[in-house]
PDB file of N, CA and C in Angstrom:
ATOM      1  N   MET A   1       0.791  -1.188  -0.133  1.00  0.00           N
ATOM      2  CA  MET A   1       0.309  -0.049   0.025  1.00  0.00           C
ATOM      3  C   MET A   1       1.058   1.051   0.038  1.00  0.00           C
ATOM      4  N   SER A   2       0.388   1.950  -0.745  1.00  0.00           N
ATOM      5  CA  SER A   2       1.076   3.500  -0.932  1.00  0.00           C
ATOM      6  C   SER A   2       1.164   4.203   0.617  1.00  0.00           C
ATOM      7  N   THR A   3       1.969   5.251   0.705  1.00  0.00           N
ATOM      8  CA  THR A   3       1.567   6.162   1.840  1.00  0.00           C
ATOM      9  C   THR A   3       0.579   6.802   1.332  1.00  0.00           C
ATOM     10  N   SER A   4       0.056   7.173   0.164  1.00  0.00           N
ATOM     11  CA  SER A   4      -0.815   8.273  -0.059  1.00  0.00           C
ATOM     12  C   SER A   4      -2.371   7.152   0.413  1.00  0.00           C
ATOM     13  N   ALA A   5      -2.511   5.993  -0.144  1.00  0.00           N
ATOM     14  CA  ALA A   5      -3.179   5.147  -0.074  1.00  0.00           C
ATOM     15  C   ALA A   5      -3.269   5.347   1.703  1.00  0.00           C
ATOM     16  N   LEU A   6      -2.485   4.764   2.048  1.00  0.00           N
ATOM     17  CA  LEU A   6      -2.298   4.817   3.475  1.00  0.00           C
ATOM     18  C   LEU A   6      -2.979   5.510   4.582  1.00  0.00           C
ATOM     19  N   THR A   7      -2.423   7.061   4.136  1.00  0.00           N
ATOM     20  CA  THR A   7      -3.056   8.194   4.897  1.00  0.00           C
ATOM     21  C   THR A   7      -4.157   8.610   4.373  1.00  0.00           C
ATOM     22  N   LYS A   8      -5.014   7.939   3.198  1.00  0.00           N
ATOM     23  CA  LYS A   8      -6.428   8.424   3.107  1.00  0.00           C
ATOM     24  C   LYS A   8      -7.580   7.179   3.747  1.00  0.00           C
ATOM     25  N   ALA A   9      -6.951   5.961   3.927  1.00  0.00           N
ATOM     26  CA  ALA A   9      -7.393   4.978   4.502  1.00  0.00           C
ATOM     27  C   ALA A   9      -7.359   5.090   6.316  1.00  0.00           C
ATOM     28  N   LYS A  10      -6.152   5.590   6.844  1.00  0.00           N
ATOM     29  CA  LYS A  10      -6.613   6.709   8.027  1.00  0.00           C
ATOM     30  C   LYS A  10      -7.395   7.775   8.366  1.00  0.00           C
ATOM     31  N   GLY A  11      -7.153   8.499   7.245  1.00  0.00           N
ATOM     32  CA  GLY A  11      -8.499   9.356   7.164  1.00  0.00           C
ATOM     33  C   GLY A  11      -9.941   8.855   7.036  1.00  0.00           C
ATOM     34  N   PHE A  12      -9.933   7.992   6.528  1.00  0.00           N
ATOM     35  CA  PHE A  12     -11.816   7.264   6.324  1.00  0.00           C
ATOM     36  C   PHE A  12     -11.835   6.868   8.151  1.00  0.00           C
ATOM     37  N   LYS A  13     -10.728   6.342   8.813  1.00  0.00           N
ATOM     38  CA  LYS A  13     -10.759   5.340   9.822  1.00  0.00           C
ATOM     39  C   LYS A  13     -11.911   6.605  11.190  1.00  0.00           C
ATOM     40  N   LYS A  14     -11.202   7.885  10.686  1.00  0.00           N
ATOM     41  CA  LYS A  14     -11.304   9.195  11.264  1.00  0.00           C
ATOM     42  C   LYS A  14     -12.653   9.445  10.350  1.00  0.00           C
ATOM     43  N   SER A  15     -13.321   9.490   9.956  1.00  0.00           N
ATOM     44  CA  SER A  15     -14.824   9.883   9.271  1.00  0.00           C
ATOM     45  C   SER A  15     -15.579   9.261   9.373  1.00  0.00           C
ATOM     46  N   LYS A  16     -16.888  10.198   9.255  1.00  0.00           N
ATOM     47  CA  LYS A  16     -18.125   9.589  10.281  1.00  0.00           C
ATOM     48  C   LYS A  16     -18.742   8.561   9.446  1.00  0.00           C
ATOM     49  N   THR A  17     -18.337   8.682   8.141  1.00  0.00           N
ATOM     50  CA  THR A  17     -18.640   7.304   7.389  1.00  0.00           C
ATOM     51  C   THR A  17     -17.974   5.903   7.674  1.00  0.00           C
ATOM     52  N   GLY A  18     -16.503   6.617   8.157  1.00  0.00           N
ATOM     53  CA  GLY A  18     -16.064   5.300   9.247  1.00  0.00           C
ATOM     54  C   GLY A  18     -16.268   4.677  10.123  1.00  0.00           C
ATOM     55  N   THR A  19     -16.870   6.053  11.161  1.00  0.00           N
ATOM     56  CA  THR A  19     -16.955   5.809  12.272  1.00  0.00           C
ATOM     57  C   THR A  19     -18.732   4.799  12.004  1.00  0.00           C
ATOM     58  N   TYR A  20     -19.593   5.201  11.197  1.00  0.00           N
ATOM     59  CA  TYR A  20     -20.170   4.447  11.222  1.00  0.00           C
ATOM     60  C   TYR A  20     -20.481   3.345  10.257  1.00  0.00           C
ATOM     61  N   LEU A  21     -19.216   2.803   9.506  1.00  0.00           N
ATOM     62  CA  LEU A  21     -19.210   1.587   9.419  1.00  0.00           C
ATOM     63  C   LEU A  21     -18.444   0.495  10.509  1.00  0.00           C
ATOM     64  N   SER A  22     -18.070   1.417  10.734  1.00  0.00           N
ATOM     65  CA  SER A  22     -17.253   0.278  12.740  1.00  0.00           C
ATOM     66  C   SER A  22     -18.181   0.212  13.644  1.00  0.00           C
ATOM     67  N   ILE A  23     -19.419   1.246  13.817  1.00  0.00           N
ATOM     68  CA  ILE A  23     -20.273   1.049  14.301  1.00  0.00           C
ATOM     69  C   ILE A  23     -21.111  -0.153  14.289  1.00  0.00           C
ATOM     70  N   GLY A  24     -21.302  -0.347  12.791  1.00  0.00           N
ATOM     71  CA  GLY A  24     -22.097  -1.439  12.046  1.00  0.00           C
ATOM     72  C   GLY A  24     -21.830  -2.716  12.631  1.00  0.00           C
ATOM     73  N   THR A  25     -20.069  -2.658  11.836  1.00  0.00           N
ATOM     74  CA  THR A  25     -19.474  -4.155  12.413  1.00  0.00           C
ATOM     75  C   THR A  25     -19.516  -4.082  13.452  1.00  0.00           C
ATOM     76  N   THR A  26     -18.977  -3.419  14.564  1.00  0.00           N
ATOM     77  CA  THR A  26     -19.241  -3.807  15.896  1.00  0.00           C
ATOM     78  C   THR A  26     -20.632  -4.522  16.138  1.00  0.00           C
ATOM     79  N   ALA A  27     -21.911  -3.939  15.960  1.00  0.00           N
ATOM     80  CA  ALA A  27     -23.068  -4.134  16.543  1.00  0.00           C
ATOM     81  C   ALA A  27     -23.233  -5.549  15.353  1.00  0.00           C
ATOM     82  N   PHE A  28     -22.733  -5.669  14.682  1.00  0.00           N
ATOM     83  CA  PHE A  28     -23.098  -7.172  13.794  1.00  0.00           C
ATOM     84  C   PHE A  28     -21.954  -8.566  14.794  1.00  0.00           C
ATOM     85  N   GLY A  29     -21.133  -7.654  15.147  1.00  0.00           N
ATOM     86  CA  GLY A  29     -20.557  -8.783  16.419  1.00  0.00           C
ATOM     87  C   GLY A  29     -21.524  -9.083  17.457  1.00  0.00           C
ATOM     88  N   ALA A  30     -22.699  -9.170  17.487  1.00  0.00           N
ATOM     89  CA  ALA A  30     -23.297  -8.692  18.341  1.00  0.00           C
ATOM     90  C   ALA A  30     -23.959 -10.400  18.115  1.00  0.00           C
ATOM     91  N   ILE A  31     -24.503 -10.769  16.840  1.00  0.00           N
ATOM     92  CA  ILE A  31     -25.242 -11.653  16.543  1.00  0.00           C
ATOM     93  C   ILE A  31     -23.715 -13.100  16.994  1.00  0.00           C
ATOM     94  N   SER A  32     -22.967 -12.518  16.791  1.00  0.00           N
ATOM     95  CA  SER A  32     -22.090 -14.097  17.037  1.00  0.00           C
ATOM     96  C   SER A  32     -22.140 -14.192  19.202  1.00  0.00           C
ATOM     97  N   VAL A  33     -22.246 -13.025  19.549  1.00  0.00           N
ATOM     98  CA  VAL A  33     -22.326 -13.093  20.897  1.00  0.00           C
ATOM     99  C   VAL A  33     -23.305 -13.498  21.187  1.00  0.00           C
ATOM    100  N   ILE A  34     -24.691 -13.353  20.809  1.00  0.00           N
ATOM    101  CA  ILE A  34     -25.596 -14.012  21.423  1.00  0.00           C
ATOM    102  C   ILE A  34     -25.889 -15.721  20.949  1.00  0.00           C
ATOM    103  N   LYS A  35     -25.187 -15.839  19.543  1.00  0.00           N
ATOM    104  CA  LYS A  35     -25.409 -17.311  19.130  1.00  0.00           C
ATOM    105  C   LYS A  35     -24.341 -18.031  20.325  1.00  0.00           C
ATOM    106  N   GLN A  36     -23.271 -17.314  20.831  1.00  0.00           N
ATOM    107  CA  GLN A  36     -22.706 -18.041  22.055  1.00  0.00           C
ATOM    108  C   GLN A  36     -23.094 -18.140  23.089  1.00  0.00           C
ATOM    109  N   VAL A  37     -24.080 -17.163  23.490  1.00  0.00           N
ATOM    110  CA  VAL A  37     -24.712 -17.107  24.725  1.00  0.00           C
ATOM    111  C   VAL A  37     -25.790 -18.534  24.914  1.00  0.00           C
ATOM    112  N   LYS A  38     -26.475 -18.612  23.699  1.00  0.00           N
ATOM    113  CA  LYS A  38     -27.235 -19.674  23.673  1.00  0.00           C
ATOM    114  C   LYS A  38     -26.908 -20.987  23.687  1.00  0.00           C
ATOM    115  N   LYS A  39     -25.889 -21.083  22.844  1.00  0.00           N
ATOM    116  CA  LYS A  39     -24.760 -22.702  23.046  1.00  0.00           C
ATOM    117  C   LYS A  39     -24.425 -22.850  24.626  1.00  0.00           C
ATOM    118  N   ALA A  40     -23.684 -21.554  24.923  1.00  0.00           N
ATOM    119  CA  ALA A  40     -23.474 -22.390  26.316  1.00  0.00           C
ATOM    120  C   ALA A  40     -24.383 -22.428  27.157  1.00  0.00           C
ATOM    121  N   ARG A  41     -25.839 -21.662  27.569  1.00  0.00           N
ATOM    122  CA  ARG A  41     -26.889 -22.092  27.917  1.00  0.00           C
ATOM    123  C   ARG A  41     -27.355 -23.199  27.727  1.00  0.00           C
ATOM    124  N   SER A  42     -27.405 -23.964  26.492  1.00  0.00           N
ATOM    125  CA  SER A  42     -27.692 -25.288  26.388  1.00  0.00           C
ATOM    126  C   SER A  42     -27.119 -26.348  26.757  1.00  0.00           C
ATOM    127  N   GLU A  43     -25.661 -25.758  26.778  1.00  0.00           N
ATOM    128  CA  GLU A  43     -24.734 -26.568  27.557  1.00  0.00           C
ATOM    129  C   GLU A  43     -24.278 -26.822  29.012  1.00  0.00           C
ATOM    130  N   HIS A  44     -24.889 -25.519  28.965  1.00  0.00           N
ATOM    131  CA  HIS A  44     -24.331 -25.369  30.903  1.00  0.00           C
ATOM    132  C   HIS A  44     -23.632 -25.591  30.962  1.00  0.00           C
ATOM    133  N   ASP A  45     -22.788 -24.462  30.495  1.00  0.00           N
ATOM    134  CA  ASP A  45     -21.230 -24.345  30.137  1.00  0.00           C
ATOM    135  C   ASP A  45     -21.066 -22.644  30.788  1.00  0.00           C
ATOM    136  N   VAL A  46     -20.718 -22.742  32.444  1.00  0.00           N
ATOM    137  CA  VAL A  46     -20.998 -21.267  33.247  1.00  0.00           C
ATOM    138  C   VAL A  46     -19.729 -20.542  32.265  1.00  0.00           C
ATOM    139  N   LEU A  47     -18.246 -21.112  31.756  1.00  0.00           N
ATOM    140  CA  LEU A  47     -17.339 -20.783  31.181  1.00  0.00           C
ATOM    141  C   LEU A  47     -17.189 -19.908  30.378  1.00  0.00           C
ATOM    142  N   LYS A  48     -18.453 -20.819  29.343  1.00  0.00           N
ATOM    143  CA  LYS A  48     -18.491 -20.283  27.870  1.00  0.00           C
ATOM    144  C   LYS A  48     -19.210 -18.651  28.119  1.00  0.00           C
ATOM    145  N   LEU A  49     -19.980 -18.781  29.324  1.00  0.00           N
ATOM    146  CA  LEU A  49     -20.996 -17.887  29.173  1.00  0.00           C
ATOM    147  C   LEU A  49     -20.758 -16.816  30.124  1.00  0.00           C
ATOM    148  N   VAL A  50     -19.462 -16.715  30.796  1.00  0.00           N
ATOM    149  CA  VAL A  50     -18.616 -15.488  31.122  1.00  0.00           C
ATOM    150  C   VAL A  50     -17.912 -15.254  30.180  1.00  0.00           C
ATOM    151  N   ASP A  51     -17.294 -15.928  28.950  1.00  0.00           N
ATOM    152  CA  ASP A  51     -16.459 -15.453  27.591  1.00  0.00           C
ATOM    153  C   ASP A  51     -17.183 -14.560  27.338  1.00  0.00           C
ATOM    154  N   ALA A  52     -18.911 -15.239  27.326  1.00  0.00           N
ATOM    155  CA  ALA A  52     -19.688 -14.395  25.642  1.00  0.00           C
ATOM    156  C   ALA A  52     -20.485 -13.140  26.598  1.00  0.00           C
ATOM    157  N   ALA A  53     -20.221 -13.013  28.164  1.00  0.00           N
ATOM    158  CA  ALA A  53     -20.496 -12.045  28.381  1.00  0.00           C
ATOM    159  C   ALA A  53     -19.606 -10.850  28.516  1.00  0.00           C
ATOM    160  N   VAL A  54     -18.168 -11.585  28.424  1.00  0.00           N
ATOM    161  CA  VAL A  54     -17.049 -10.494  28.838  1.00  0.00           C
ATOM    162  C   VAL A  54     -16.897  -9.989  27.131  1.00  0.00           C
ATOM    163  N   SER A  55     -17.366 -10.588  26.465  1.00  0.00           N
ATOM    164  CA  SER A  55     -17.271 -10.352  24.934  1.00  0.00           C
ATOM    165  C   SER A  55     -18.696  -8.900  24.690  1.00  0.00           C
ATOM    166  N   ALA A  56     -19.593  -9.421  24.974  1.00  0.00           N
ATOM    167  CA  ALA A  56     -20.853  -8.905  24.980  1.00  0.00           C
ATOM    168  C   ALA A  56     -20.157  -7.326  25.798  1.00  0.00           C
ATOM    169  N   ALA A  57     -19.116  -7.337  26.929  1.00  0.00           N
ATOM    170  CA  ALA A  57     -18.993  -5.811  27.515  1.00  0.00           C
ATOM    171  C   ALA A  57     -17.930  -5.066  26.313  1.00  0.00           C
ATOM    172  N   ALA A  58     -17.235  -5.591  25.909  1.00  0.00           N
ATOM    173  CA  ALA A  58     -16.400  -5.520  24.692  1.00  0.00           C
ATOM    174  C   ALA A  58     -16.776  -4.968  23.873  1.00  0.00           C
ATOM    175  N   ILE A  59     -18.304  -5.117  23.459  1.00  0.00           N
ATOM    176  CA  ILE A  59     -18.622  -4.464  22.206  1.00  0.00           C
ATOM    177  C   ILE A  59     -19.769  -3.584  22.419  1.00  0.00           C
ATOM    178  N   VAL A  60     -20.044  -3.791  23.856  1.00  0.00           N
ATOM    179  CA  VAL A  60     -21.009  -2.259  24.399  1.00  0.00           C
ATOM    180  C   VAL A  60     -19.818  -1.260  24.129  1.00  0.00           C
ATOM    181  N   THR A  61     -18.903  -1.558  25.075  1.00  0.00           N
ATOM    182  CA  THR A  61     -17.606  -0.439  25.586  1.00  0.00           C
ATOM    183  C   THR A  61     -17.139   0.190  23.964  1.00  0.00           C
ATOM    184  N   GLY A  62     -16.644  -0.852  23.072  1.00  0.00           N
ATOM    185  CA  GLY A  62     -16.112  -0.579  21.469  1.00  0.00           C
ATOM    186  C   GLY A  62     -17.237   0.631  21.232  1.00  0.00           C
ATOM    187  N   LEU A  63     -18.670   0.171  21.586  1.00  0.00           N
ATOM    188  CA  LEU A  63     -19.748   0.740  20.379  1.00  0.00           C
ATOM    189  C   LEU A  63     -20.126   2.663  21.377  1.00  0.00           C
ATOM    190  N   ALA A  64     -19.513   2.531  22.536  1.00  0.00           N
ATOM    191  CA  ALA A  64     -19.445   3.684  23.172  1.00  0.00           C
ATOM    192  C   ALA A  64     -18.205   4.269  23.177  1.00  0.00           C
ATOM    193  N   ILE A  65     -17.363   3.756  22.791  1.00  0.00           N
ATOM    194  CA  ILE A  65     -16.375   4.943  22.517  1.00  0.00           C
ATOM    195  C   ILE A  65     -16.704   5.000  20.143  1.00  0.00           C
ATOM    196  N   LEU A  66     -17.396   4.420  19.603  1.00  0.00           N
ATOM    197  CA  LEU A  66     -17.442   4.926  18.823  1.00  0.00           C
ATOM    198  C   LEU A  66     -18.304   6.178  18.622  1.00  0.00           C
ATOM    199  N   TYR A  67     -19.382   5.867  19.304  1.00  0.00           N
ATOM    200  CA  TYR A  67     -20.649   7.302  19.518  1.00  0.00           C
ATOM    201  C   TYR A  67     -19.392   8.323  20.107  1.00  0.00           C
ATOM    202  N   ARG A  68     -18.896   8.085  20.745  1.00  0.00           N
ATOM    203  CA  ARG A  68     -17.732   9.632  21.417  1.00  0.00           C
ATOM    204  C   ARG A  68     -17.109  10.003  20.285  1.00  0.00           C
ATOM    205  N   GLU A  69     -16.921   9.426  19.853  1.00  0.00           N
ATOM    206  CA  GLU A  69     -15.865   9.931  18.189  1.00  0.00           C
ATOM    207  C   GLU A  69     -16.797  10.605  17.199  1.00  0.00           C
ATOM    208  N   LEU A  70     -18.443  10.046  17.325  1.00  0.00           N
ATOM    209  CA  LEU A  70     -19.093  10.589  16.646  1.00  0.00           C
ATOM    210  C   LEU A  70     -18.824  12.018  16.691  1.00  0.00           C
ATOM    211  N   LYS A  71     -19.548  12.249  18.472  1.00  0.00           N
ATOM    212  CA  LYS A  71     -19.942  13.078  19.297  1.00  0.00           C
ATOM    213  C   LYS A  71     -18.524  14.047  18.659  1.00  0.00           C
ATOM    214  N   ARG A  72     -17.478  13.469  18.694  1.00  0.00           N
ATOM    215  CA  ARG A  72     -16.710  14.217  18.459  1.00  0.00           C
ATOM    216  C   ARG A  72     -15.662  14.824  17.318  1.00  0.00           C
ATOM    217  N   LEU A  73     -16.805  14.508  16.051  1.00  0.00           N
ATOM    218  CA  LEU A  73     -16.356  15.001  15.050  1.00  0.00           C
ATOM    219  C   LEU A  73     -17.521  15.333  14.672  1.00  0.00           C
ATOM    220  N   GLY A  74     -18.536  15.917  15.684  1.00  0.00           N
ATOM    221  CA  GLY A  74     -19.281  17.063  15.257  1.00  0.00           C
ATOM    222  C   GLY A  74     -20.717  16.785  14.772  1.00  0.00           C
ATOM    223  N   ASP A  75     -21.391  14.887  14.637  1.00  0.00           N
ATOM    224  CA  ASP A  75     -22.325  14.800  13.786  1.00  0.00           C
ATOM    225  C   ASP A  75     -23.384  15.657  14.216  1.00  0.00           C
ATOM    226  N   ASP A  76     -24.236  15.889  13.206  1.00  0.00           N
ATOM    227  CA  ASP A  76     -25.635  16.462  13.104  1.00  0.00           C
ATOM    228  C   ASP A  76     -26.476  15.585  13.287  1.00  0.00           C
ATOM    229  N   ASP A  77     -26.487  14.312  13.119  1.00  0.00           N
ATOM    230  CA  ASP A  77     -27.395  13.288  13.648  1.00  0.00           C
ATOM    231  C   ASP A  77     -28.784  13.782  14.456  1.00  0.00           C
ATOM    232  N   VAL A  78     -30.103  13.736  14.101  1.00  0.00           N
ATOM    233  CA  VAL A  78     -30.938  13.948  15.415  1.00  0.00           C
ATOM    234  C   VAL A  78     -31.088  12.772  16.031  1.00  0.00           C
ATOM    235  N   LEU A  79     -30.336  12.041  16.295  1.00  0.00           N
ATOM    236  CA  LEU A  79     -30.577  10.907  17.230  1.00  0.00           C
ATOM    237  C   LEU A  79     -29.153  10.806  18.114  1.00  0.00           C
ATOM    238  N   LEU A  80     -28.355  11.303  18.084  1.00  0.00           N
ATOM    239  CA  LEU A  80     -27.201  11.989  18.713  1.00  0.00           C
ATOM    240  C   LEU A  80     -27.467  12.761  19.027  1.00  0.00           C
ATOM    241  N   GLY A  81     -28.487  13.580  19.408  1.00  0.00           N
ATOM    242  CA  GLY A  81     -28.874  14.633  20.331  1.00  0.00           C
ATOM    243  C   GLY A  81     -27.729  15.663  20.121  1.00  0.00           C
TER     244      GLY A  81
END
């Protein structure tokens, strides 16, 4: 990857569009966690259930950080307040 392309990629990551994309992919990870919880509960596996809870906490934290980034970027979206 050239230096120019790398700079553009870093700029996209800090853009509103890039942040929305990150929110979408992070939220999509919740589907995997839900499946993980269902499997752990059906197997009565406490360790897997704890792992799923930690993964869910990571997703929530990641979404909160991305939300803060959107606010920092000055998004005018009505939903963000």
